[in-house]
Protein backbone atom coordinates (compact mmCIF):
# COMPACT_ATOMS: atom_id res chain seq x y z
CA UNK A 1 0.01 -0.04 -0.14
CA UNK A 2 0.66 3.49 -0.09
CA UNK A 3 0.65 6.77 1.91
CA UNK A 4 0.08 10.21 0.89
CA UNK A 5 1.74 13.14 3.22
CA UNK A 6 0.30 15.76 5.02
CA UNK A 7 3.71 16.93 6.83
CA UNK A 8 6.81 16.59 5.97
CA UNK A 9 7.87 13.04 6.94
CA UNK A 10 11.43 11.43 7.55
CA UNK A 11 11.68 7.98 6.42
CA UNK A 12 15.12 6.25 5.96
CA UNK A 13 17.49 8.82 4.26
CA UNK A 14 14.58 10.47 2.23
CA UNK A 15 12.68 13.34 3.24
CA UNK A 16 8.82 13.41 1.83
CA UNK A 17 6.90 16.74 1.22
CA UNK A 18 3.30 16.98 1.89
CA UNK A 19 1.60 15.82 -0.84
CA UNK A 20 3.99 13.00 -1.36
CA UNK A 21 3.46 9.68 -2.37
CA UNK A 22 5.66 7.63 -0.32
CA UNK A 23 5.93 3.80 -1.31
CA UNK A 24 7.92 0.48 0.24
CA UNK A 25 7.16 1.44 3.98
CA UNK A 26 6.22 -1.40 5.77
CA UNK A 27 2.83 -1.77 7.45
CA UNK A 28 3.52 -0.40 10.42
CA UNK A 29 5.07 1.97 10.01
CA UNK A 30 2.64 3.43 7.37
CA UNK A 31 0.01 2.81 10.28
CA UNK A 32 2.23 5.11 12.36
CA UNK A 33 2.28 7.98 10.26
CA UNK A 34 -1.51 7.36 9.59
CA UNK A 35 -2.28 7.44 13.86
CA UNK A 36 -0.39 10.24 13.68
CA UNK A 37 -2.25 12.25 11.21
CA UNK A 38 0.84 13.09 9.65
CA UNK A 39 -0.33 10.69 6.42
CA UNK A 40 -3.17 9.41 4.97
CA UNK A 41 -4.17 6.29 2.93
CA UNK A 42 -4.48 6.07 -0.85
CA UNK A 43 -6.21 4.38 -3.47
CA UNK A 44 -4.78 2.87 -6.20
CA UNK A 45 -5.78 5.27 -9.11
CA UNK A 46 -4.27 8.05 -7.17
CA UNK A 47 -0.94 6.19 -6.71
CA UNK A 48 -0.36 6.09 -10.32
CA UNK A 49 -1.91 9.80 -10.89
CA UNK A 50 0.86 11.09 -8.26
CA UNK A 51 3.81 8.88 -9.39
CA UNK A 52 3.05 10.36 -13.18
CA UNK A 53 3.15 13.89 -11.71
CA UNK A 54 5.74 13.65 -9.63
CA UNK A 55 8.44 11.76 -12.16
CA UNK A 56 7.39 14.32 -14.21
CA UNK A 57 8.60 17.08 -12.05
CA UNK A 58 12.34 15.43 -11.03
CA UNK A 59 13.09 13.56 -7.96
CA UNK A 60 12.60 13.36 -4.23
CA UNK A 61 15.40 15.27 -2.07
CA UNK A 62 17.79 13.68 -0.35
CA UNK A 63 19.15 13.98 3.13
CA UNK A 64 22.78 14.36 3.48
């Protein structure tokens, strides 16, 4: 599953800005972020559209 960031989220060595789609987290991490209201679950159709839009904008920020 994937989630949409509502706040700035640091996961691993990546920083996701609000509105970013986050994939690759385990279920527990996703549920924690949703419970904290830092993110919300998204449907598959939304994920595909958002990923397409993000690819057009360029890569996400990497944390040093």
